[in-house]
């Protein structure tokens, strides 16, 4: 901060802004609401403006900025942090354009796994058809959430045959998710922060915790429970 006071032009450096945000996230008061509202959000919004100005200067507003290149990571990390901040406040409308930009334009390889969050936001905002478009971009995706949100999207659109086929594939690839969604009560598995086991109970726990309310809407959960072992998903 002392350096920024002497050299305010440094406030236009993406790497410096990324470092400031990282430092704030380590602070003991980082979880306090006013810190996010009055400090972190303005800082992140400023960082996105700086990033956009740099792209505009090179006529590259629609260019990819892939995560695989180390120099791109500070900018992408800042945008991702702004997305997380909005979602923590349930501000889906604010997060949506940033999510779409990250997934569809800046980094389609989606190293952050933001496509999972994007599919959830689409469902919360009543846009199931966009979940299907998103899922089509990542066929055979390893993220269970995208496959199960695809099932829910088909159900909400009234596409019964497609919903059943998608459910069959999703239950085959991640059976624990099905079990956790259908269970009235579930024992919380051991979780390791920052890690998720593919097809594991922790993956199923996270999905249930984040999506159960969406499945409870419109009878989807009862429909899902109807495909028990006694009533398997038809072929």
C-alpha atoms as a PDB file:
ATOM      1  CA  UNK A   1       0.000   0.000   0.000  1.00  0.00           C
ATOM      2  CA  UNK A   2       2.882   2.373   0.714  1.00  0.00           C
ATOM      3  CA  UNK A   3       4.289   1.666  -2.762  1.00  0.00           C
ATOM      4  CA  UNK A   4       0.883   2.329  -4.336  1.00  0.00           C
ATOM      5  CA  UNK A   5       0.674   5.672  -2.559  1.00  0.00           C
ATOM      6  CA  UNK A   6       4.019   6.691  -4.079  1.00  0.00           C
ATOM      7  CA  UNK A   7       3.331   5.109  -7.473  1.00  0.00           C
ATOM      8  CA  UNK A   8      -0.454   5.128  -8.080  1.00  0.00           C
ATOM      9  CA  UNK A   9       0.068   4.047 -11.692  1.00  0.00           C
ATOM     10  CA  UNK A  10       0.978   0.632 -10.291  1.00  0.00           C
ATOM     11  CA  UNK A  11      -2.705   0.250  -9.427  1.00  0.00           C
ATOM     12  CA  UNK A  12      -3.160  -0.580 -13.109  1.00  0.00           C
ATOM     13  CA  UNK A  13      -0.998  -3.695 -12.877  1.00  0.00           C
ATOM     14  CA  UNK A  14      -2.929  -6.967 -13.055  1.00  0.00           C
ATOM     15  CA  UNK A  15      -0.244  -8.875 -11.151  1.00  0.00           C
ATOM     16  CA  UNK A  16      -0.275  -6.252  -8.387  1.00  0.00           C
ATOM     17  CA  UNK A  17      -4.062  -6.371  -8.126  1.00  0.00           C
ATOM     18  CA  UNK A  18      -3.955 -10.158  -8.005  1.00  0.00           C
ATOM     19  CA  UNK A  19      -1.448  -9.945  -5.163  1.00  0.00           C
ATOM     20  CA  UNK A  20      -3.604  -7.468  -3.250  1.00  0.00           C
ATOM     21  CA  UNK A  21      -6.664  -9.696  -3.536  1.00  0.00           C
ATOM     22  CA  UNK A  22      -4.633 -12.703  -2.426  1.00  0.00           C
ATOM     23  CA  UNK A  23      -3.376 -10.767   0.602  1.00  0.00           C
ATOM     24  CA  UNK A  24      -6.899  -9.676   1.506  1.00  0.00           C
ATOM     25  CA  UNK A  25      -8.162 -13.249   1.316  1.00  0.00           C
ATOM     26  CA  UNK A  26      -5.529 -14.273   3.861  1.00  0.00           C
ATOM     27  CA  UNK A  27      -6.583 -11.550   6.298  1.00  0.00           C
ATOM     28  CA  UNK A  28      -8.474 -12.629   9.400  1.00  0.00           C
ATOM     29  CA  UNK A  29     -11.334 -10.242   8.548  1.00  0.00           C
ATOM     30  CA  UNK A  30     -11.698 -11.440   4.948  1.00  0.00           C
ATOM     31  CA  UNK A  31     -14.997 -13.155   5.709  1.00  0.00           C
ATOM     32  CA  UNK A  32     -16.599 -10.040   7.184  1.00  0.00           C
ATOM     33  CA  UNK A  33     -19.349  -8.744   4.890  1.00  0.00           C
ATOM     34  CA  UNK A  34     -18.218  -5.112   4.838  1.00  0.00           C
ATOM     35  CA  UNK A  35     -14.690  -6.098   3.771  1.00  0.00           C
ATOM     36  CA  UNK A  36     -16.073  -7.802   0.684  1.00  0.00           C
ATOM     37  CA  UNK A  37     -18.522  -5.010  -0.100  1.00  0.00           C
ATOM     38  CA  UNK A  38     -16.288  -1.991   0.454  1.00  0.00           C
ATOM     39  CA  UNK A  39     -12.831  -3.337  -0.390  1.00  0.00           C
ATOM     40  CA  UNK A  40     -12.714  -6.643  -2.260  1.00  0.00           C
ATOM     41  CA  UNK A  41     -15.566  -6.083  -4.737  1.00  0.00           C
ATOM     42  CA  UNK A  42     -14.392  -2.602  -5.863  1.00  0.00           C
ATOM     43  CA  UNK A  43     -10.860  -3.948  -6.185  1.00  0.00           C
ATOM     44  CA  UNK A  44     -11.997  -6.887  -8.325  1.00  0.00           C
ATOM     45  CA  UNK A  45     -14.263  -4.695 -10.455  1.00  0.00           C
ATOM     46  CA  UNK A  46     -11.351  -2.337 -11.053  1.00  0.00           C
ATOM     47  CA  UNK A  47      -9.169  -5.297 -12.053  1.00  0.00           C
ATOM     48  CA  UNK A  48     -11.738  -6.432 -14.641  1.00  0.00           C
ATOM     49  CA  UNK A  49     -11.841  -2.898 -16.097  1.00  0.00           C
ATOM     50  CA  UNK A  50      -8.035  -2.846 -16.342  1.00  0.00           C
ATOM     51  CA  UNK A  51      -8.122  -6.238 -18.059  1.00  0.00           C
ATOM     52  CA  UNK A  52     -10.782  -5.079 -20.530  1.00  0.00           C
ATOM     53  CA  UNK A  53      -8.796  -1.939 -21.335  1.00  0.00           C
ATOM     54  CA  UNK A  54      -5.744  -4.047 -22.101  1.00  0.00           C
ATOM     55  CA  UNK A  55      -7.742  -6.286 -24.441  1.00  0.00           C
ATOM     56  CA  UNK A  56      -9.395  -3.309 -26.134  1.00  0.00           C
ATOM     57  CA  UNK A  57      -6.015  -1.694 -26.733  1.00  0.00           C
ATOM     58  CA  UNK A  58      -5.077  -4.735 -28.813  1.00  0.00           C
ATOM     59  CA  UNK A  59      -8.513  -5.205 -30.413  1.00  0.00           C
ATOM     60  CA  UNK A  60      -8.720  -8.539 -28.591  1.00  0.00           C
ATOM     61  CA  UNK A  61     -12.008  -8.258 -26.660  1.00  0.00           C
ATOM     62  CA  UNK A  62     -13.197 -11.616 -28.032  1.00  0.00           C
ATOM     63  CA  UNK A  63      -9.848 -13.377 -27.799  1.00  0.00           C
ATOM     64  CA  UNK A  64      -9.120 -16.474 -25.781  1.00  0.00           C
ATOM     65  CA  UNK A  65      -6.922 -15.947 -22.737  1.00  0.00           C
ATOM     66  CA  UNK A  66      -6.070 -19.556 -21.835  1.00  0.00           C
ATOM     67  CA  UNK A  67      -5.120 -20.569 -18.324  1.00  0.00           C
ATOM     68  CA  UNK A  68      -2.347 -22.793 -19.668  1.00  0.00           C
ATOM     69  CA  UNK A  69      -0.242 -19.664 -20.248  1.00  0.00           C
ATOM     70  CA  UNK A  70       1.197 -18.620 -16.893  1.00  0.00           C
ATOM     71  CA  UNK A  71       1.036 -14.898 -17.713  1.00  0.00           C
ATOM     72  CA  UNK A  72      -2.752 -15.104 -18.101  1.00  0.00           C
ATOM     73  CA  UNK A  73      -3.444 -16.589 -14.693  1.00  0.00           C
ATOM     74  CA  UNK A  74      -3.586 -13.408 -12.585  1.00  0.00           C
ATOM     75  CA  UNK A  75      -6.318 -11.917 -14.788  1.00  0.00           C
ATOM     76  CA  UNK A  76      -8.358 -15.112 -14.919  1.00  0.00           C
ATOM     77  CA  UNK A  77      -7.956 -15.605 -11.190  1.00  0.00           C
ATOM     78  CA  UNK A  78      -9.289 -12.089 -10.521  1.00  0.00           C
ATOM     79  CA  UNK A  79     -12.360 -12.660 -12.676  1.00  0.00           C
ATOM     80  CA  UNK A  80     -12.982 -16.018 -10.993  1.00  0.00           C
ATOM     81  CA  UNK A  81     -12.748 -14.348  -7.581  1.00  0.00           C
ATOM     82  CA  UNK A  82     -15.360 -11.794  -8.609  1.00  0.00           C
ATOM     83  CA  UNK A  83     -17.621 -14.626  -9.745  1.00  0.00           C
ATOM     84  CA  UNK A  84     -17.238 -16.414  -6.412  1.00  0.00           C
ATOM     85  CA  UNK A  85     -17.959 -13.186  -4.548  1.00  0.00           C
ATOM     86  CA  UNK A  86     -21.226 -12.689  -6.457  1.00  0.00           C
ATOM     87  CA  UNK A  87     -22.297 -16.304  -5.959  1.00  0.00           C
ATOM     88  CA  UNK A  88     -21.564 -16.143  -2.241  1.00  0.00           C
ATOM     89  CA  UNK A  89     -24.177 -13.369  -2.118  1.00  0.00           C
ATOM     90  CA  UNK A  90     -26.624 -15.297  -4.333  1.00  0.00           C
ATOM     91  CA  UNK A  91     -26.232 -12.542  -6.927  1.00  0.00           C
ATOM     92  CA  UNK A  92     -26.722 -14.892  -9.881  1.00  0.00           C
ATOM     93  CA  UNK A  93     -27.565 -12.140 -12.365  1.00  0.00           C
ATOM     94  CA  UNK A  94     -24.274 -10.384 -11.625  1.00  0.00           C
ATOM     95  CA  UNK A  95     -22.272 -13.602 -11.855  1.00  0.00           C
ATOM     96  CA  UNK A  96     -23.879 -14.891 -15.059  1.00  0.00           C
ATOM     97  CA  UNK A  97     -22.165 -12.685 -17.701  1.00  0.00           C
ATOM     98  CA  UNK A  98     -18.782 -13.263 -16.058  1.00  0.00           C
ATOM     99  CA  UNK A  99     -19.354 -17.018 -15.953  1.00  0.00           C
ATOM    100  CA  UNK A 100     -20.399 -17.111 -19.607  1.00  0.00           C
ATOM    101  CA  UNK A 101     -17.437 -15.008 -20.634  1.00  0.00           C
ATOM    102  CA  UNK A 102     -14.972 -17.224 -18.797  1.00  0.00           C
ATOM    103  CA  UNK A 103     -16.418 -20.499 -20.078  1.00  0.00           C
ATOM    104  CA  UNK A 104     -17.372 -19.533 -23.615  1.00  0.00           C
ATOM    105  CA  UNK A 105     -14.706 -16.974 -24.536  1.00  0.00           C
ATOM    106  CA  UNK A 106     -11.703 -16.481 -22.295  1.00  0.00           C
ATOM    107  CA  UNK A 107     -10.831 -20.003 -21.227  1.00  0.00           C
ATOM    108  CA  UNK A 108     -13.035 -22.649 -22.866  1.00  0.00           C
ATOM    109  CA  UNK A 109     -10.831 -25.384 -21.421  1.00  0.00           C
ATOM    110  CA  UNK A 110     -12.344 -24.222 -18.108  1.00  0.00           C
ATOM    111  CA  UNK A 111      -9.569 -25.173 -15.707  1.00  0.00           C
ATOM    112  CA  UNK A 112     -11.566 -23.648 -12.846  1.00  0.00           C
ATOM    113  CA  UNK A 113     -14.556 -25.942 -13.437  1.00  0.00           C
ATOM    114  CA  UNK A 114     -16.809 -22.907 -13.766  1.00  0.00           C
ATOM    115  CA  UNK A 115     -19.097 -24.771 -16.166  1.00  0.00           C
ATOM    116  CA  UNK A 116     -20.532 -26.545 -13.118  1.00  0.00           C
ATOM    117  CA  UNK A 117     -21.406 -23.222 -11.500  1.00  0.00           C
ATOM    118  CA  UNK A 118     -22.726 -21.869 -14.792  1.00  0.00           C
ATOM    119  CA  UNK A 119     -25.087 -24.821 -15.208  1.00  0.00           C
ATOM    120  CA  UNK A 120     -26.385 -24.304 -11.665  1.00  0.00           C
ATOM    121  CA  UNK A 121     -26.984 -20.603 -12.275  1.00  0.00           C
ATOM    122  CA  UNK A 122     -28.855 -21.411 -15.481  1.00  0.00           C
ATOM    123  CA  UNK A 123     -31.153 -23.727 -13.509  1.00  0.00           C
ATOM    124  CA  UNK A 124     -31.683 -21.199 -10.720  1.00  0.00           C
ATOM    125  CA  UNK A 125     -32.574 -18.520 -13.277  1.00  0.00           C
ATOM    126  CA  UNK A 126     -35.004 -20.809 -15.106  1.00  0.00           C
ATOM    127  CA  UNK A 127     -32.901 -21.340 -18.243  1.00  0.00           C
ATOM    128  CA  UNK A 128     -32.661 -25.154 -18.561  1.00  0.00           C
ATOM    129  CA  UNK A 129     -32.208 -25.044 -22.324  1.00  0.00           C
ATOM    130  CA  UNK A 130     -28.882 -23.278 -21.792  1.00  0.00           C
ATOM    131  CA  UNK A 131     -27.737 -26.146 -19.564  1.00  0.00           C
ATOM    132  CA  UNK A 132     -28.136 -28.492 -22.528  1.00  0.00           C
ATOM    133  CA  UNK A 133     -26.169 -26.166 -24.797  1.00  0.00           C
ATOM    134  CA  UNK A 134     -23.417 -25.943 -22.205  1.00  0.00           C
ATOM    135  CA  UNK A 135     -23.291 -29.698 -21.626  1.00  0.00           C
ATOM    136  CA  UNK A 136     -22.994 -30.299 -25.375  1.00  0.00           C
ATOM    137  CA  UNK A 137     -19.707 -28.389 -25.337  1.00  0.00           C
ATOM    138  CA  UNK A 138     -18.222 -30.863 -22.848  1.00  0.00           C
ATOM    139  CA  UNK A 139     -19.284 -34.367 -23.958  1.00  0.00           C
ATOM    140  CA  UNK A 140     -18.152 -37.083 -21.579  1.00  0.00           C
ATOM    141  CA  UNK A 141     -17.329 -34.436 -18.968  1.00  0.00           C
ATOM    142  CA  UNK A 142     -15.709 -35.693 -15.764  1.00  0.00           C
ATOM    143  CA  UNK A 143     -17.717 -33.271 -13.610  1.00  0.00           C
ATOM    144  CA  UNK A 144     -20.713 -35.100 -12.207  1.00  0.00           C
ATOM    145  CA  UNK A 145     -22.622 -31.854 -11.712  1.00  0.00           C
ATOM    146  CA  UNK A 146     -22.866 -31.101 -15.401  1.00  0.00           C
ATOM    147  CA  UNK A 147     -24.241 -34.570 -16.192  1.00  0.00           C
ATOM    148  CA  UNK A 148     -26.828 -34.444 -13.406  1.00  0.00           C
ATOM    149  CA  UNK A 149     -27.850 -30.881 -14.204  1.00  0.00           C
ATOM    150  CA  UNK A 150     -28.376 -32.037 -17.765  1.00  0.00           C
ATOM    151  CA  UNK A 151     -30.847 -34.638 -16.458  1.00  0.00           C
ATOM    152  CA  UNK A 152     -32.685 -31.959 -14.498  1.00  0.00           C
ATOM    153  CA  UNK A 153     -32.736 -29.638 -17.504  1.00  0.00           C
ATOM    154  CA  UNK A 154     -34.368 -32.288 -19.701  1.00  0.00           C
ATOM    155  CA  UNK A 155     -36.935 -32.947 -16.968  1.00  0.00           C
ATOM    156  CA  UNK A 156     -37.790 -29.259 -16.595  1.00  0.00           C
ATOM    157  CA  UNK A 157     -38.210 -28.906 -20.342  1.00  0.00           C
ATOM    158  CA  UNK A 158     -40.622 -31.838 -20.378  1.00  0.00           C
ATOM    159  CA  UNK A 159     -38.369 -33.997 -22.559  1.00  0.00           C
ATOM    160  CA  UNK A 160     -39.176 -37.261 -20.800  1.00  0.00           C
ATOM    161  CA  UNK A 161     -37.366 -39.665 -23.118  1.00  0.00           C
ATOM    162  CA  UNK A 162     -34.177 -37.602 -23.136  1.00  0.00           C
ATOM    163  CA  UNK A 163     -34.357 -37.146 -19.362  1.00  0.00           C
ATOM    164  CA  UNK A 164     -34.532 -40.892 -18.801  1.00  0.00           C
ATOM    165  CA  UNK A 165     -31.609 -41.538 -21.147  1.00  0.00           C
ATOM    166  CA  UNK A 166     -29.529 -38.839 -19.472  1.00  0.00           C
ATOM    167  CA  UNK A 167     -30.409 -40.232 -16.045  1.00  0.00           C
ATOM    168  CA  UNK A 168     -29.296 -43.703 -17.053  1.00  0.00           C
ATOM    169  CA  UNK A 169     -25.904 -42.374 -18.170  1.00  0.00           C
ATOM    170  CA  UNK A 170     -25.472 -40.143 -15.126  1.00  0.00           C
ATOM    171  CA  UNK A 171     -26.358 -42.904 -12.680  1.00  0.00           C
ATOM    172  CA  UNK A 172     -23.950 -45.270 -14.397  1.00  0.00           C
ATOM    173  CA  UNK A 173     -21.087 -42.788 -14.253  1.00  0.00           C
ATOM    174  CA  UNK A 174     -21.718 -41.422 -10.736  1.00  0.00           C
ATOM    175  CA  UNK A 175     -24.021 -43.755  -8.778  1.00  0.00           C
ATOM    176  CA  UNK A 176     -23.238 -42.106  -5.452  1.00  0.00           C
ATOM    177  CA  UNK A 177     -24.892 -38.892  -6.597  1.00  0.00           C
ATOM    178  CA  UNK A 178     -28.123 -40.776  -7.220  1.00  0.00           C
ATOM    179  CA  UNK A 179     -27.975 -42.426  -3.798  1.00  0.00           C
ATOM    180  CA  UNK A 180     -27.244 -39.157  -2.012  1.00  0.00           C
ATOM    181  CA  UNK A 181     -30.021 -37.268  -3.804  1.00  0.00           C
ATOM    182  CA  UNK A 182     -32.620 -39.894  -3.027  1.00  0.00           C
ATOM    183  CA  UNK A 183     -31.647 -40.451   0.613  1.00  0.00           C
ATOM    184  CA  UNK A 184     -33.729 -38.714   3.271  1.00  0.00           C
ATOM    185  CA  UNK A 185     -30.666 -38.429   5.499  1.00  0.00           C
ATOM    186  CA  UNK A 186     -27.035 -39.001   4.659  1.00  0.00           C
ATOM    187  CA  UNK A 187     -23.888 -39.262   6.745  1.00  0.00           C
ATOM    188  CA  UNK A 188     -21.419 -36.564   5.776  1.00  0.00           C
ATOM    189  CA  UNK A 189     -18.280 -38.217   4.394  1.00  0.00           C
ATOM    190  CA  UNK A 190     -14.768 -37.101   5.183  1.00  0.00           C
ATOM    191  CA  UNK A 191     -13.954 -34.058   3.067  1.00  0.00           C
ATOM    192  CA  UNK A 192     -10.552 -32.747   2.026  1.00  0.00           C
ATOM    193  CA  UNK A 193     -10.688 -29.008   1.262  1.00  0.00           C
ATOM    194  CA  UNK A 194      -9.692 -28.299  -2.325  1.00  0.00           C
ATOM    195  CA  UNK A 195     -10.055 -31.912  -3.476  1.00  0.00           C
ATOM    196  CA  UNK A 196     -12.939 -33.982  -4.808  1.00  0.00           C
ATOM    197  CA  UNK A 197     -12.817 -37.705  -5.544  1.00  0.00           C
ATOM    198  CA  UNK A 198     -14.185 -38.602  -8.967  1.00  0.00           C
ATOM    199  CA  UNK A 199     -17.265 -40.809  -8.391  1.00  0.00           C
ATOM    200  CA  UNK A 200     -16.587 -40.563  -4.654  1.00  0.00           C
ATOM    201  CA  UNK A 201     -18.914 -39.965  -1.739  1.00  0.00           C
ATOM    202  CA  UNK A 202     -17.443 -36.496  -1.272  1.00  0.00           C
ATOM    203  CA  UNK A 203     -18.395 -35.576  -4.849  1.00  0.00           C
ATOM    204  CA  UNK A 204     -21.934 -36.812  -4.180  1.00  0.00           C
ATOM    205  CA  UNK A 205     -22.115 -34.871  -0.913  1.00  0.00           C
ATOM    206  CA  UNK A 206     -21.103 -31.612  -2.561  1.00  0.00           C
ATOM    207  CA  UNK A 207     -23.589 -32.099  -5.390  1.00  0.00           C
ATOM    208  CA  UNK A 208     -26.445 -32.881  -3.014  1.00  0.00           C
ATOM    209  CA  UNK A 209     -25.602 -29.936  -0.772  1.00  0.00           C
ATOM    210  CA  UNK A 210     -25.539 -27.496  -3.687  1.00  0.00           C
ATOM    211  CA  UNK A 211     -28.395 -28.832  -5.836  1.00  0.00           C
ATOM    212  CA  UNK A 212     -30.980 -30.605  -3.673  1.00  0.00           C
ATOM    213  CA  UNK A 213     -33.267 -27.560  -3.543  1.00  0.00           C
ATOM    214  CA  UNK A 214     -33.245 -27.404  -7.332  1.00  0.00           C
ATOM    215  CA  UNK A 215     -34.295 -31.053  -7.541  1.00  0.00           C
ATOM    216  CA  UNK A 216     -37.125 -30.457  -5.072  1.00  0.00           C
ATOM    217  CA  UNK A 217     -38.742 -27.992  -7.461  1.00  0.00           C
ATOM    218  CA  UNK A 218     -41.473 -29.157  -9.794  1.00  0.00           C
ATOM    219  CA  UNK A 219     -41.529 -32.787  -8.674  1.00  0.00           C
ATOM    220  CA  UNK A 220     -38.109 -33.637 -10.081  1.00  0.00           C
ATOM    221  CA  UNK A 221     -36.882 -35.325  -6.918  1.00  0.00           C
ATOM    222  CA  UNK A 222     -39.932 -37.577  -6.676  1.00  0.00           C
ATOM    223  CA  UNK A 223     -39.494 -38.466 -10.340  1.00  0.00           C
ATOM    224  CA  UNK A 224     -35.854 -39.311  -9.623  1.00  0.00           C
ATOM    225  CA  UNK A 225     -36.753 -41.496  -6.646  1.00  0.00           C
ATOM    226  CA  UNK A 226     -39.190 -43.479  -8.781  1.00  0.00           C
ATOM    227  CA  UNK A 227     -36.206 -45.102 -10.511  1.00  0.00           C
ATOM    228  CA  UNK A 228     -35.133 -47.233  -7.583  1.00  0.00           C
ATOM    229  CA  UNK A 229     -33.623 -50.698  -7.729  1.00  0.00           C
ATOM    230  CA  UNK A 230     -37.158 -52.083  -7.774  1.00  0.00           C
ATOM    231  CA  UNK A 231     -37.993 -49.750 -10.634  1.00  0.00           C
ATOM    232  CA  UNK A 232     -34.791 -49.376 -12.656  1.00  0.00           C
ATOM    233  CA  UNK A 233     -34.235 -46.748 -15.282  1.00  0.00           C
ATOM    234  CA  UNK A 234     -35.744 -48.186 -18.473  1.00  0.00           C
ATOM    235  CA  UNK A 235     -33.494 -48.868 -21.460  1.00  0.00           C
END
